[in-house]
Protein backbone atom coordinates (compact mmCIF):
# COMPACT_ATOMS: atom_id res chain seq x y z
CA MET A 1 271.13 286.78 5.34
CA GLN A 2 271.68 288.18 1.88
CA LYS A 3 268.63 289.39 0.04
CA GLY A 4 267.70 287.04 -2.76
CA LYS A 5 269.36 284.03 -1.22
CA LYS A 6 267.22 280.89 -1.29
CA VAL A 7 266.21 279.06 1.84
CA SER A 8 265.53 275.38 1.41
CA ILE A 9 262.89 274.95 4.17
CA THR A 10 260.86 277.54 6.05
CA SER A 11 258.77 276.36 9.03
CA ILE A 12 255.68 278.21 10.30
CA ASP A 13 253.99 277.72 13.65
CA ALA A 14 252.10 279.66 16.27
CA THR A 15 251.38 279.63 20.01
CA GLY A 16 249.37 281.61 22.48
CA PHE A 17 250.29 283.07 25.83
CA THR A 18 247.95 284.14 28.60
CA SER A 19 248.60 285.77 31.94
CA ASP A 20 245.98 283.65 33.65
CA TYR A 21 248.89 281.88 35.27
CA ALA A 22 249.72 284.94 37.41
CA SER A 23 249.40 284.11 41.07
CA HIS A 24 246.16 285.13 42.75
CA TYR A 25 248.22 286.82 45.48
CA TYR A 26 249.94 289.10 42.91
CA SER A 27 246.70 289.85 41.03
CA LYS A 28 244.92 290.72 44.25
CA ARG A 29 247.81 292.81 45.45
CA ILE A 30 247.82 295.02 42.32
CA GLY A 31 243.99 295.18 42.35
CA LYS A 32 243.19 293.72 38.93
CA THR A 33 242.79 290.34 37.39
CA ARG A 34 245.21 289.55 34.60
CA LYS A 35 243.62 287.80 31.65
CA SER A 36 245.49 289.25 28.71
CA PHE A 37 246.36 287.08 25.71
CA VAL A 38 248.96 287.25 22.95
CA LYS A 39 248.99 284.98 19.90
CA THR A 40 252.40 284.75 18.21
CA SER A 41 253.12 283.25 14.83
CA ILE A 42 256.60 282.98 13.35
CA ALA A 43 258.30 281.79 10.16
CA VAL A 44 261.79 280.36 10.69
CA ASP A 45 264.56 279.16 8.36
CA SER A 46 264.77 275.50 9.47
CA LYS A 47 268.47 275.19 8.87
CA SER A 48 269.85 278.32 10.55
CA LEU A 49 266.80 278.96 12.89
CA LEU A 50 266.75 282.58 11.70
CA VAL A 51 263.35 284.22 12.19
CA LEU A 52 262.11 285.36 8.76
CA GLY A 53 258.68 286.73 9.70
CA TRP A 54 256.39 287.22 12.67
CA LYS A 55 252.81 288.23 13.47
CA PHE A 56 251.18 289.04 16.81
CA SER A 57 247.56 289.46 17.81
CA LYS A 58 245.90 290.35 21.07
CA PHE A 59 243.11 287.78 20.71
CA PRO A 60 242.96 284.02 20.11
CA VAL A 61 242.77 283.55 16.32
CA ASN A 62 242.96 280.48 14.12
CA ASP A 63 246.56 279.78 12.95
CA ARG A 64 245.50 280.05 9.31
CA LYS A 65 244.66 283.74 9.66
CA HIS A 66 248.35 284.69 9.92
CA VAL A 67 249.86 282.30 7.37
CA LYS A 68 249.52 284.49 4.22
CA SER A 69 251.08 287.42 6.01
CA LEU A 70 253.98 285.26 7.24
CA ILE A 71 254.61 283.80 3.77
CA ASN A 72 254.68 287.28 2.23
CA GLN A 73 257.10 288.54 4.85
CA THR A 74 259.39 285.60 4.19
CA GLN A 75 259.27 286.16 0.44
CA ARG A 76 260.30 289.82 0.89
CA VAL A 77 263.43 288.72 2.76
CA THR A 78 264.37 285.55 0.88
CA LYS A 79 262.89 282.95 -1.47
CA SER A 80 261.94 279.63 0.14
CA GLN A 81 261.79 276.34 -1.74
CA CYS A 82 259.49 274.59 0.74
CA PHE A 83 257.16 275.55 3.61
CA THR A 84 256.46 273.15 6.44
CA MET A 85 253.61 273.59 8.95
CA ASP A 86 251.60 271.46 11.31
CA LYS A 87 248.15 270.10 10.52
CA GLY A 88 246.44 273.21 11.95
CA TYR A 89 247.37 274.89 8.65
CA ASP A 90 245.86 272.18 6.40
CA ALA A 91 243.64 274.13 4.03
CA GLU A 92 243.38 273.99 0.31
CA ARG A 93 243.74 277.77 -0.11
CA ILE A 94 247.13 277.64 1.71
CA HIS A 95 248.45 274.87 -0.55
CA GLU A 96 247.21 276.74 -3.63
CA TYR A 97 248.84 280.01 -2.46
CA ILE A 98 252.19 278.39 -1.77
CA ARG A 99 252.32 276.19 -4.82
CA GLY A 100 250.58 278.47 -7.35
CA TYR A 101 251.50 282.02 -6.36
CA ILE A 102 254.81 281.51 -4.54
CA GLY A 103 256.01 278.57 -6.62
CA ALA A 104 257.32 276.52 -3.63
CA ASP A 105 256.39 273.16 -2.16
CA SER A 106 254.18 272.79 0.91
CA GLN A 107 254.49 270.02 3.48
CA ILE A 108 251.42 270.09 5.73
CA PRO A 109 250.06 266.87 7.26
CA VAL A 110 246.42 266.13 6.52
CA ARG A 111 244.00 266.62 9.38
CA LYS A 112 242.15 263.51 10.47
CA TRP A 113 238.38 263.95 10.72
CA ASP A 114 236.39 261.52 12.80
């Protein structure tokens, strides 16, 4: 991707991985329990599926902790016109950062509170 080229839509999401699913036989055989965790967050160009930014952490963290870093990584590579995320990222400060500081649109569904 050429530097300075605009991306129409950038999507951001995160997931966590744990090794708790290792078999008990294997864990017992190596002599230790495996309970490590990795949280991965990525920003992707929705059209070409090119990864524009990533962030990893060793502990479970809220998705919103990584979003500013991901947006900044994306902006260093290319300029995005719109950011889409799931409702886990619905926070006023995220909308303000994207719309005010970056100058792009944000499409984040509103969380439903009971």
